[in-house]
């Protein structure tokens, strides 16, 4: 997606440790027009799929998933929570997820009320690096007996193993921008064509 790539080149900042800071438009301060174009592109890419729900993980994926849902006839958006709250109850699916960006591990949960065996689920997330978050969401969908129709990723770090790992499981992954390399000294970002 050329618009996204240009935004990354203009406003993205490469930090040490293979971190791409895009918080000025994607995951802290939100460019709603960009989100709209992202949602349209995910609809175009997955227009051949029957989608009954969109699943993401808190927090950065929620906004992208909600905007995307509008283009899929406003299907419900469900997000995996990173901690159990008192209003969830004890009947939930869970999976352990390690965060590349935050350097920690969370047990993410989704209430059994919101995913069932009849669902055809599109996963939406902002980043794919090592694949841990995506793997956790796929695990939760599997526990529910639902079907993963695909995963829409805004930015994939193609030089990290997540994309290959998830695709190797037979999951369709559509990434809007795949980064082949980043240099924290020069700020250079190279995309896969």
N, C-alpha and C. Protein backbone atom coordinates (compact mmCIF):
# COMPACT_ATOMS: atom_id res chain seq x y z
N UNK A 1 0.85 -1.17 0.00
CA UNK A 1 0.00 0.00 0.00
C UNK A 1 0.90 1.24 0.00
N UNK A 2 0.93 1.92 -1.11
CA UNK A 2 1.87 3.02 -1.31
C UNK A 2 1.69 4.16 -0.31
N UNK A 3 0.45 4.53 -0.02
CA UNK A 3 0.17 5.60 0.94
C UNK A 3 0.80 5.30 2.30
N UNK A 4 0.65 4.07 2.75
CA UNK A 4 1.23 3.65 4.03
C UNK A 4 2.75 3.70 3.98
N UNK A 5 3.33 3.18 2.92
CA UNK A 5 4.79 3.19 2.80
C UNK A 5 5.34 4.61 2.85
N UNK A 6 4.68 5.54 2.14
CA UNK A 6 5.13 6.93 2.14
C UNK A 6 5.03 7.54 3.53
N UNK A 7 3.96 7.19 4.26
CA UNK A 7 3.78 7.70 5.63
C UNK A 7 4.88 7.15 6.55
N UNK A 8 5.21 5.87 6.39
CA UNK A 8 6.29 5.27 7.18
C UNK A 8 7.61 5.97 6.88
N UNK A 9 7.91 6.20 5.61
CA UNK A 9 9.16 6.85 5.23
C UNK A 9 9.23 8.28 5.75
N UNK A 10 8.09 8.98 5.72
CA UNK A 10 8.06 10.38 6.14
C UNK A 10 8.10 10.54 7.67
N UNK A 11 7.30 9.71 8.37
CA UNK A 11 7.11 9.94 9.81
C UNK A 11 7.61 8.82 10.71
N UNK A 12 7.98 7.67 10.14
CA UNK A 12 8.48 6.57 10.96
C UNK A 12 9.90 6.84 11.43
N UNK A 13 10.22 6.34 12.61
CA UNK A 13 11.56 6.52 13.18
C UNK A 13 12.10 5.14 13.55
N UNK A 14 13.28 4.81 13.03
CA UNK A 14 13.92 3.54 13.34
C UNK A 14 14.72 3.71 14.62
N UNK A 15 14.44 2.82 15.59
CA UNK A 15 15.14 2.85 16.88
C UNK A 15 16.01 1.60 17.00
N UNK A 16 16.93 1.64 17.93
CA UNK A 16 17.79 0.48 18.18
C UNK A 16 16.93 -0.74 18.52
N UNK A 17 17.44 -1.92 18.15
CA UNK A 17 16.76 -3.16 18.47
C UNK A 17 15.65 -3.52 17.49
N UNK A 18 15.74 -3.00 16.27
CA UNK A 18 14.73 -3.28 15.23
C UNK A 18 13.34 -2.82 15.61
N UNK A 19 13.26 -1.67 16.26
CA UNK A 19 11.97 -1.08 16.63
C UNK A 19 11.66 0.04 15.63
N UNK A 20 10.46 0.00 15.08
CA UNK A 20 9.99 1.06 14.19
C UNK A 20 8.94 1.86 14.94
N UNK A 21 9.24 3.11 15.19
CA UNK A 21 8.32 3.99 15.93
C UNK A 21 7.40 4.68 14.92
N UNK A 22 6.12 4.32 14.99
CA UNK A 22 5.10 4.90 14.10
C UNK A 22 3.94 5.46 14.92
N UNK A 23 4.26 5.87 16.13
CA UNK A 23 3.21 6.31 17.04
C UNK A 23 2.61 7.66 16.67
N UNK A 24 3.23 8.39 15.75
CA UNK A 24 2.69 9.69 15.35
C UNK A 24 1.52 9.57 14.38
N UNK A 25 1.26 8.33 13.89
CA UNK A 25 0.13 8.16 12.96
C UNK A 25 -0.59 6.82 13.09
N UNK A 26 0.03 5.81 13.73
CA UNK A 26 -0.58 4.48 13.71
C UNK A 26 -1.03 3.98 15.07
N UNK A 27 -0.20 4.12 16.10
CA UNK A 27 -0.56 3.44 17.34
C UNK A 27 -0.42 4.26 18.63
N UNK A 28 -0.46 5.55 18.52
CA UNK A 28 -0.59 6.43 19.70
C UNK A 28 -1.42 7.64 19.30
N UNK A 29 -0.95 8.37 18.32
CA UNK A 29 -1.73 9.42 17.66
C UNK A 29 -2.21 8.79 16.36
N UNK A 30 -3.51 8.84 16.11
CA UNK A 30 -4.09 8.08 15.00
C UNK A 30 -4.45 8.99 13.83
N UNK A 31 -3.98 8.62 12.64
CA UNK A 31 -4.36 9.28 11.39
C UNK A 31 -5.60 8.54 10.87
N UNK A 32 -6.78 9.09 11.14
CA UNK A 32 -8.03 8.42 10.83
C UNK A 32 -8.21 8.24 9.32
N UNK A 33 -7.77 9.20 8.54
CA UNK A 33 -7.85 9.04 7.07
C UNK A 33 -7.03 7.85 6.62
N UNK A 34 -5.84 7.69 7.19
CA UNK A 34 -5.00 6.55 6.85
C UNK A 34 -5.68 5.25 7.28
N UNK A 35 -6.26 5.24 8.49
CA UNK A 35 -6.98 4.05 8.97
C UNK A 35 -8.10 3.68 7.99
N UNK A 36 -8.79 4.69 7.47
CA UNK A 36 -9.88 4.43 6.52
C UNK A 36 -9.34 3.75 5.28
N UNK A 37 -8.23 4.23 4.76
CA UNK A 37 -7.63 3.61 3.58
C UNK A 37 -7.13 2.20 3.89
N UNK A 38 -6.61 2.00 5.09
CA UNK A 38 -6.18 0.67 5.53
C UNK A 38 -7.37 -0.28 5.56
N UNK A 39 -8.48 0.17 6.14
CA UNK A 39 -9.69 -0.65 6.20
C UNK A 39 -10.20 -1.02 4.82
N UNK A 40 -10.19 -0.07 3.90
CA UNK A 40 -10.61 -0.33 2.51
C UNK A 40 -9.70 -1.37 1.86
N UNK A 41 -8.41 -1.25 2.12
CA UNK A 41 -7.47 -2.18 1.51
C UNK A 41 -7.64 -3.59 2.07
N UNK A 42 -7.87 -3.71 3.38
CA UNK A 42 -8.13 -5.04 3.94
C UNK A 42 -9.40 -5.64 3.35
N UNK A 43 -10.43 -4.82 3.13
CA UNK A 43 -11.65 -5.31 2.51
C UNK A 43 -11.37 -5.80 1.09
N UNK A 44 -10.57 -5.05 0.34
CA UNK A 44 -10.22 -5.46 -1.02
C UNK A 44 -9.47 -6.80 -1.00
N UNK A 45 -8.51 -6.91 -0.09
CA UNK A 45 -7.68 -8.10 -0.03
C UNK A 45 -8.45 -9.34 0.42
N UNK A 46 -9.42 -9.15 1.31
CA UNK A 46 -10.16 -10.29 1.86
C UNK A 46 -11.61 -10.32 1.38
N UNK A 47 -11.89 -9.70 0.24
CA UNK A 47 -13.26 -9.64 -0.27
C UNK A 47 -13.78 -11.02 -0.67
N UNK A 48 -12.89 -11.97 -0.89
CA UNK A 48 -13.30 -13.33 -1.25
C UNK A 48 -13.62 -14.19 -0.03
N UNK A 49 -13.50 -13.62 1.17
CA UNK A 49 -13.72 -14.38 2.40
C UNK A 49 -15.04 -13.99 3.05
N UNK A 50 -15.70 -14.98 3.61
CA UNK A 50 -16.85 -14.69 4.46
C UNK A 50 -16.29 -14.41 5.85
N UNK A 51 -16.52 -13.20 6.35
CA UNK A 51 -16.02 -12.79 7.66
C UNK A 51 -17.21 -12.54 8.57
N UNK A 52 -17.25 -13.24 9.71
CA UNK A 52 -18.34 -13.00 10.67
C UNK A 52 -17.86 -12.17 11.86
N UNK A 53 -16.55 -12.19 12.11
CA UNK A 53 -15.99 -11.39 13.21
C UNK A 53 -14.56 -11.02 12.87
N UNK A 54 -14.13 -9.91 13.47
CA UNK A 54 -12.73 -9.49 13.39
C UNK A 54 -12.16 -9.60 14.79
N UNK A 55 -10.97 -10.21 14.90
CA UNK A 55 -10.30 -10.38 16.18
C UNK A 55 -8.97 -9.64 16.15
N UNK A 56 -8.68 -8.95 17.25
CA UNK A 56 -7.40 -8.27 17.40
C UNK A 56 -6.95 -8.41 18.85
N UNK A 57 -5.88 -7.73 19.18
CA UNK A 57 -5.35 -7.77 20.54
C UNK A 57 -5.19 -6.34 21.02
N UNK A 58 -5.47 -6.12 22.30
CA UNK A 58 -5.32 -4.74 22.78
C UNK A 58 -3.85 -4.34 22.82
N UNK A 59 -3.54 -3.13 22.61
CA UNK A 59 -4.42 -2.00 22.43
C UNK A 59 -4.35 -1.48 20.99
N UNK A 60 -3.18 -1.57 20.37
CA UNK A 60 -2.98 -0.89 19.09
C UNK A 60 -3.82 -1.43 17.95
N UNK A 61 -4.24 -2.66 18.02
CA UNK A 61 -5.04 -3.23 16.94
C UNK A 61 -6.50 -2.82 16.95
N UNK A 62 -6.99 -2.32 18.07
CA UNK A 62 -8.43 -2.08 18.22
C UNK A 62 -8.96 -1.05 17.23
N UNK A 63 -8.31 0.09 17.14
CA UNK A 63 -8.78 1.14 16.22
C UNK A 63 -8.77 0.68 14.78
N UNK A 64 -7.70 0.01 14.38
CA UNK A 64 -7.59 -0.48 13.00
C UNK A 64 -8.70 -1.50 12.73
N UNK A 65 -8.93 -2.40 13.68
CA UNK A 65 -9.97 -3.42 13.52
C UNK A 65 -11.35 -2.79 13.42
N UNK A 66 -11.62 -1.78 14.22
CA UNK A 66 -12.94 -1.13 14.21
C UNK A 66 -13.20 -0.42 12.88
N UNK A 67 -12.22 0.30 12.37
CA UNK A 67 -12.38 0.98 11.10
C UNK A 67 -12.55 -0.07 9.98
N UNK A 68 -11.76 -1.13 10.03
CA UNK A 68 -11.85 -2.19 9.03
C UNK A 68 -13.23 -2.84 9.05
N UNK A 69 -13.79 -3.06 10.23
CA UNK A 69 -15.10 -3.72 10.36
C UNK A 69 -16.19 -2.99 9.59
N UNK A 70 -16.06 -1.68 9.47
CA UNK A 70 -17.06 -0.91 8.72
C UNK A 70 -17.16 -1.36 7.27
N UNK A 71 -16.07 -1.84 6.72
CA UNK A 71 -16.04 -2.27 5.33
C UNK A 71 -16.47 -3.73 5.16
N UNK A 72 -16.68 -4.41 6.27
CA UNK A 72 -17.17 -5.79 6.27
C UNK A 72 -18.58 -5.83 6.88
N UNK A 73 -19.41 -4.89 6.43
CA UNK A 73 -20.80 -4.81 6.90
C UNK A 73 -20.91 -4.70 8.42
N UNK A 74 -19.95 -4.01 9.02
CA UNK A 74 -19.93 -3.76 10.47
C UNK A 74 -20.02 -5.03 11.29
N UNK A 75 -19.24 -6.06 10.90
CA UNK A 75 -19.17 -7.27 11.73
C UNK A 75 -18.62 -6.88 13.10
N UNK A 76 -18.92 -7.67 14.14
CA UNK A 76 -18.38 -7.36 15.46
C UNK A 76 -16.86 -7.45 15.50
N UNK A 77 -16.27 -6.59 16.31
CA UNK A 77 -14.83 -6.64 16.59
C UNK A 77 -14.67 -7.15 18.01
N UNK A 78 -13.85 -8.18 18.16
CA UNK A 78 -13.53 -8.74 19.47
C UNK A 78 -12.04 -8.50 19.69
N UNK A 79 -11.67 -8.09 20.90
CA UNK A 79 -10.24 -7.96 21.15
C UNK A 79 -9.83 -8.78 22.37
N UNK A 80 -8.67 -9.40 22.23
CA UNK A 80 -8.10 -10.16 23.33
C UNK A 80 -7.56 -9.18 24.35
N UNK A 81 -7.96 -9.40 25.61
CA UNK A 81 -7.49 -8.53 26.70
C UNK A 81 -6.20 -9.09 27.27
N UNK A 82 -5.34 -8.18 27.71
CA UNK A 82 -4.06 -8.58 28.26
C UNK A 82 -4.12 -8.84 29.76
N UNK A 83 -5.27 -8.66 30.35
CA UNK A 83 -5.45 -9.00 31.76
C UNK A 83 -6.92 -9.30 32.01
N UNK A 84 -7.18 -10.13 32.99
CA UNK A 84 -8.55 -10.49 33.33
C UNK A 84 -9.14 -9.40 34.21
N UNK A 85 -10.30 -8.92 33.81
CA UNK A 85 -11.01 -7.92 34.60
C UNK A 85 -12.22 -8.58 35.26
N UNK A 86 -12.79 -7.91 36.24
CA UNK A 86 -13.91 -8.50 36.99
C UNK A 86 -15.16 -8.72 36.15
N UNK A 87 -15.29 -8.02 35.03
CA UNK A 87 -16.50 -8.18 34.22
C UNK A 87 -16.39 -9.28 33.17
N UNK A 88 -15.29 -10.01 33.14
CA UNK A 88 -15.14 -11.08 32.14
C UNK A 88 -15.72 -12.40 32.63
N UNK A 89 -15.66 -12.68 33.89
CA UNK A 89 -16.11 -13.99 34.37
C UNK A 89 -14.99 -15.01 34.23
N UNK A 90 -15.33 -16.27 34.45
CA UNK A 90 -14.31 -17.31 34.44
C UNK A 90 -14.36 -18.21 33.21
N UNK A 91 -15.23 -17.89 32.26
CA UNK A 91 -15.39 -18.72 31.08
C UNK A 91 -14.76 -18.03 29.87
N UNK A 92 -13.46 -18.29 29.67
CA UNK A 92 -12.76 -17.60 28.58
C UNK A 92 -11.70 -18.51 27.97
N UNK A 93 -11.29 -18.13 26.77
CA UNK A 93 -10.15 -18.76 26.11
C UNK A 93 -8.92 -17.94 26.48
N UNK A 94 -7.77 -18.59 26.56
CA UNK A 94 -6.55 -17.85 26.89
C UNK A 94 -5.36 -18.42 26.13
N UNK A 95 -4.36 -17.56 25.97
CA UNK A 95 -3.11 -17.96 25.32
C UNK A 95 -2.00 -17.06 25.84
N UNK A 96 -0.81 -17.61 25.96
CA UNK A 96 0.34 -16.84 26.43
C UNK A 96 1.03 -16.20 25.22
N UNK A 97 1.26 -14.88 25.31
CA UNK A 97 1.83 -14.10 24.21
C UNK A 97 3.01 -13.29 24.73
N UNK A 98 4.15 -13.40 24.02
CA UNK A 98 5.31 -12.57 24.34
C UNK A 98 5.31 -11.37 23.41
N UNK A 99 5.54 -10.18 23.96
CA UNK A 99 5.56 -8.96 23.17
C UNK A 99 6.99 -8.59 22.79
N UNK A 100 7.26 -8.48 21.48
CA UNK A 100 8.58 -8.06 21.01
C UNK A 100 8.84 -6.62 21.45
N UNK A 101 7.87 -5.74 21.25
CA UNK A 101 8.05 -4.32 21.53
C UNK A 101 8.19 -4.03 23.02
N UNK A 102 7.34 -4.66 23.82
CA UNK A 102 7.33 -4.37 25.26
C UNK A 102 8.29 -5.25 26.05
N UNK A 103 8.76 -6.34 25.45
CA UNK A 103 9.70 -7.22 26.14
C UNK A 103 9.10 -7.92 27.34
N UNK A 104 7.79 -8.25 27.26
CA UNK A 104 7.15 -8.96 28.37
C UNK A 104 6.22 -10.04 27.84
N UNK A 105 5.63 -10.79 28.75
CA UNK A 105 4.71 -11.86 28.40
C UNK A 105 3.37 -11.60 29.07
N UNK A 106 2.29 -11.81 28.30
CA UNK A 106 0.93 -11.66 28.83
C UNK A 106 0.13 -12.90 28.52
N UNK A 107 -0.80 -13.23 29.41
CA UNK A 107 -1.81 -14.23 29.09
C UNK A 107 -3.00 -13.45 28.58
N UNK A 108 -3.28 -13.56 27.29
CA UNK A 108 -4.39 -12.82 26.69
C UNK A 108 -5.64 -13.68 26.75
N UNK A 109 -6.78 -13.02 26.92
CA UNK A 109 -8.03 -13.75 27.10
C UNK A 109 -9.16 -13.17 26.25
N UNK A 110 -10.07 -14.04 25.84
CA UNK A 110 -11.28 -13.66 25.14
C UNK A 110 -12.43 -14.45 25.76
N UNK A 111 -13.48 -13.76 26.16
CA UNK A 111 -14.64 -14.43 26.73
C UNK A 111 -15.24 -15.41 25.73
N UNK A 112 -15.65 -16.56 26.21
CA UNK A 112 -16.27 -17.57 25.35
C UNK A 112 -17.61 -17.09 24.78
N UNK A 113 -18.14 -16.00 25.32
CA UNK A 113 -19.39 -15.44 24.81
C UNK A 113 -19.22 -14.82 23.43
N UNK A 114 -17.99 -14.50 23.03
CA UNK A 114 -17.80 -13.68 21.83
C UNK A 114 -17.18 -14.39 20.64
N UNK A 115 -16.74 -15.63 20.82
CA UNK A 115 -16.23 -16.43 19.69
C UNK A 115 -16.83 -17.82 19.82
N UNK A 116 -17.34 -18.35 18.70
CA UNK A 116 -17.89 -19.70 18.73
C UNK A 116 -17.50 -20.47 17.47
N UNK A 117 -17.86 -21.73 17.43
CA UNK A 117 -17.42 -22.64 16.36
C UNK A 117 -17.94 -22.25 14.99
N UNK A 118 -18.98 -21.43 14.92
CA UNK A 118 -19.54 -21.03 13.63
C UNK A 118 -18.85 -19.80 13.04
N UNK A 119 -17.96 -19.18 13.79
CA UNK A 119 -17.33 -17.94 13.33
C UNK A 119 -16.25 -18.17 12.30
N UNK A 120 -16.21 -17.22 11.37
CA UNK A 120 -15.15 -17.13 10.37
C UNK A 120 -14.43 -15.81 10.68
N UNK A 121 -13.22 -15.92 11.18
CA UNK A 121 -12.57 -14.78 11.82
C UNK A 121 -11.40 -14.25 11.01
N UNK A 122 -11.42 -12.94 10.80
CA UNK A 122 -10.31 -12.22 10.22
C UNK A 122 -9.54 -11.56 11.36
N UNK A 123 -8.26 -11.87 11.47
CA UNK A 123 -7.41 -11.24 12.48
C UNK A 123 -6.82 -9.97 11.88
N UNK A 124 -6.85 -8.89 12.67
CA UNK A 124 -6.26 -7.62 12.24
C UNK A 124 -5.27 -7.18 13.32
N UNK A 125 -4.07 -6.75 12.91
CA UNK A 125 -3.12 -6.22 13.89
C UNK A 125 -2.22 -5.19 13.22
N UNK A 126 -1.57 -4.38 14.03
CA UNK A 126 -0.73 -3.31 13.49
C UNK A 126 0.63 -3.82 13.03
N UNK A 127 1.24 -4.76 13.77
CA UNK A 127 2.57 -5.24 13.44
C UNK A 127 2.64 -6.75 13.45
N UNK A 128 3.53 -7.28 12.62
CA UNK A 128 3.92 -8.68 12.66
C UNK A 128 5.44 -8.70 12.66
N UNK A 129 6.03 -9.20 13.76
CA UNK A 129 7.49 -9.30 13.87
C UNK A 129 7.87 -10.77 14.06
N UNK A 130 7.75 -11.25 15.29
CA UNK A 130 8.08 -12.65 15.58
C UNK A 130 6.87 -13.57 15.50
N UNK A 131 5.68 -13.00 15.43
CA UNK A 131 4.47 -13.80 15.26
C UNK A 131 3.79 -14.24 16.54
N UNK A 132 4.29 -13.80 17.69
CA UNK A 132 3.74 -14.28 18.97
C UNK A 132 2.28 -13.85 19.17
N UNK A 133 1.97 -12.60 18.92
CA UNK A 133 0.58 -12.13 19.11
C UNK A 133 -0.35 -12.86 18.16
N UNK A 134 0.05 -12.96 16.92
CA UNK A 134 -0.77 -13.65 15.91
C UNK A 134 -0.96 -15.12 16.28
N UNK A 135 0.11 -15.75 16.73
CA UNK A 135 0.03 -17.14 17.17
C UNK A 135 -0.94 -17.30 18.33
N UNK A 136 -0.90 -16.37 19.27
CA UNK A 136 -1.82 -16.42 20.41
C UNK A 136 -3.27 -16.30 19.98
N UNK A 137 -3.55 -15.39 19.03
CA UNK A 137 -4.91 -15.22 18.54
C UNK A 137 -5.37 -16.45 17.75
N UNK A 138 -4.48 -17.02 16.97
CA UNK A 138 -4.81 -18.25 16.23
C UNK A 138 -5.12 -19.38 17.21
N UNK A 139 -4.36 -19.46 18.29
CA UNK A 139 -4.60 -20.47 19.33
C UNK A 139 -5.99 -20.30 19.94
N UNK A 140 -6.36 -19.06 20.27
CA UNK A 140 -7.68 -18.79 20.85
C UNK A 140 -8.80 -19.17 19.88
N UNK A 141 -8.62 -18.83 18.62
CA UNK A 141 -9.63 -19.19 17.60
C UNK A 141 -9.75 -20.71 17.51
N UNK A 142 -8.63 -21.40 17.57
CA UNK A 142 -8.63 -22.86 17.54
C UNK A 142 -9.35 -23.45 18.75
N UNK A 143 -9.12 -22.87 19.92
CA UNK A 143 -9.80 -23.35 21.13
C UNK A 143 -11.32 -23.24 20.99
N UNK A 144 -11.77 -22.20 20.27
CA UNK A 144 -13.20 -21.99 20.07
C UNK A 144 -13.77 -22.88 18.98
N UNK A 145 -12.90 -23.52 18.20
CA UNK A 145 -13.35 -24.33 17.08
C UNK A 145 -13.79 -23.49 15.89
N UNK A 146 -13.41 -22.21 15.90
CA UNK A 146 -13.77 -21.30 14.81
C UNK A 146 -12.74 -21.41 13.69
N UNK A 147 -12.99 -20.69 12.61
CA UNK A 147 -12.11 -20.74 11.43
C UNK A 147 -11.38 -19.41 11.27
N UNK A 148 -10.07 -19.47 11.05
CA UNK A 148 -9.28 -18.29 10.70
C UNK A 148 -9.35 -18.14 9.18
N UNK A 149 -9.94 -17.03 8.70
CA UNK A 149 -9.97 -16.83 7.25
C UNK A 149 -8.73 -16.10 6.76
N UNK A 150 -8.02 -15.45 7.67
CA UNK A 150 -6.80 -14.76 7.30
C UNK A 150 -6.38 -13.78 8.36
N UNK A 151 -5.22 -13.16 8.11
CA UNK A 151 -4.68 -12.14 9.02
C UNK A 151 -4.28 -10.93 8.19
N UNK A 152 -4.83 -9.79 8.54
CA UNK A 152 -4.47 -8.53 7.91
C UNK A 152 -3.52 -7.77 8.81
N UNK A 153 -2.34 -7.51 8.32
CA UNK A 153 -1.29 -6.86 9.10
C UNK A 153 -0.95 -5.53 8.44
N UNK A 154 -0.85 -4.47 9.23
CA UNK A 154 -0.51 -3.18 8.67
C UNK A 154 0.98 -3.17 8.27
N UNK A 155 1.87 -3.49 9.20
CA UNK A 155 3.31 -3.47 8.93
C UNK A 155 3.92 -4.80 9.35
N UNK A 156 4.57 -5.45 8.41
CA UNK A 156 5.29 -6.69 8.71
C UNK A 156 6.78 -6.44 8.61
N UNK A 157 7.51 -6.90 9.61
CA UNK A 157 8.96 -6.86 9.55
C UNK A 157 9.41 -8.16 8.89
N UNK A 158 9.62 -8.08 7.58
CA UNK A 158 9.95 -9.25 6.78
C UNK A 158 11.27 -9.90 7.14
N UNK A 159 12.12 -9.19 7.85
CA UNK A 159 13.42 -9.72 8.25
C UNK A 159 13.34 -10.47 9.57
N UNK A 160 12.16 -10.51 10.19
CA UNK A 160 11.95 -11.29 11.40
C UNK A 160 11.07 -12.50 11.04
N UNK A 161 11.06 -13.55 11.86
CA UNK A 161 10.50 -14.83 11.43
C UNK A 161 8.97 -14.97 11.47
N UNK A 162 8.25 -14.00 11.99
CA UNK A 162 6.81 -14.15 12.20
C UNK A 162 6.00 -14.45 10.95
N UNK A 163 6.24 -13.73 9.88
CA UNK A 163 5.49 -13.93 8.65
C UNK A 163 5.66 -15.33 8.10
N UNK A 164 6.90 -15.79 8.05
CA UNK A 164 7.19 -17.14 7.55
C UNK A 164 6.57 -18.19 8.45
N UNK A 165 6.65 -17.98 9.76
CA UNK A 165 6.09 -18.92 10.73
C UNK A 165 4.57 -19.07 10.56
N UNK A 166 3.86 -17.95 10.47
CA UNK A 166 2.41 -17.99 10.35
C UNK A 166 1.98 -18.52 8.99
N UNK A 167 2.61 -18.08 7.94
CA UNK A 167 2.28 -18.59 6.60
C UNK A 167 2.57 -20.09 6.52
N UNK A 168 3.62 -20.54 7.23
CA UNK A 168 3.96 -21.95 7.26
C UNK A 168 2.89 -22.82 7.89
N UNK A 169 2.02 -22.20 8.68
CA UNK A 169 0.90 -22.92 9.28
C UNK A 169 -0.30 -22.98 8.35
N UNK A 170 -0.13 -22.41 7.15
CA UNK A 170 -1.23 -22.41 6.20
C UNK A 170 -2.21 -21.25 6.38
N UNK A 171 -1.83 -20.27 7.18
CA UNK A 171 -2.68 -19.10 7.41
C UNK A 171 -2.37 -18.05 6.33
N UNK A 172 -3.41 -17.53 5.72
CA UNK A 172 -3.25 -16.46 4.73
C UNK A 172 -2.93 -15.15 5.47
N UNK A 173 -1.78 -14.57 5.18
CA UNK A 173 -1.36 -13.30 5.77
C UNK A 173 -1.23 -12.28 4.66
N UNK A 174 -1.92 -11.17 4.81
CA UNK A 174 -1.83 -10.05 3.87
C UNK A 174 -1.29 -8.85 4.64
N UNK A 175 -0.07 -8.44 4.32
CA UNK A 175 0.56 -7.30 4.98
C UNK A 175 0.59 -6.12 4.02
N UNK A 176 0.21 -4.94 4.51
CA UNK A 176 0.12 -3.76 3.66
C UNK A 176 1.48 -3.15 3.36
N UNK A 177 2.43 -3.33 4.26
CA UNK A 177 3.81 -2.88 4.03
C UNK A 177 4.72 -3.92 4.68
N UNK A 178 5.61 -4.49 3.87
CA UNK A 178 6.59 -5.44 4.40
C UNK A 178 7.96 -4.79 4.33
N UNK A 179 8.58 -4.66 5.49
CA UNK A 179 9.90 -4.04 5.58
C UNK A 179 10.96 -5.12 5.49
N UNK A 180 11.87 -4.96 4.55
CA UNK A 180 12.96 -5.92 4.39
C UNK A 180 14.14 -5.59 5.30
N UNK A 181 14.38 -4.29 5.53
CA UNK A 181 15.48 -3.91 6.43
C UNK A 181 15.26 -2.50 6.95
N UNK A 182 15.86 -2.26 8.12
CA UNK A 182 15.84 -0.93 8.74
C UNK A 182 17.22 -0.68 9.31
N UNK A 183 17.66 0.58 9.29
CA UNK A 183 18.96 0.93 9.82
C UNK A 183 18.77 2.04 10.84
N UNK A 184 19.06 1.75 12.11
CA UNK A 184 18.84 2.76 13.17
C UNK A 184 19.87 3.89 13.14
N UNK A 185 20.99 3.68 12.44
CA UNK A 185 21.99 4.74 12.35
C UNK A 185 21.66 5.74 11.25
N UNK A 186 21.18 5.24 10.11
CA UNK A 186 20.87 6.13 8.98
C UNK A 186 19.39 6.47 8.89
N UNK A 187 18.55 5.65 9.56
CA UNK A 187 17.10 5.84 9.45
C UNK A 187 16.51 5.23 8.20
N UNK A 188 17.35 4.56 7.39
CA UNK A 188 16.87 3.99 6.13
C UNK A 188 15.92 2.81 6.39
N UNK A 189 14.83 2.79 5.60
CA UNK A 189 13.85 1.72 5.64
C UNK A 189 13.68 1.23 4.21
N UNK A 190 13.86 -0.08 4.00
CA UNK A 190 13.68 -0.66 2.67
C UNK A 190 12.50 -1.61 2.70
N UNK A 191 11.61 -1.46 1.71
CA UNK A 191 10.41 -2.28 1.63
C UNK A 191 10.57 -3.38 0.60
N UNK A 192 9.86 -4.48 0.84
CA UNK A 192 9.75 -5.55 -0.14
C UNK A 192 8.76 -5.11 -1.20
N UNK A 193 9.03 -5.41 -2.44
CA UNK A 193 8.10 -5.03 -3.53
C UNK A 193 6.95 -5.98 -3.63
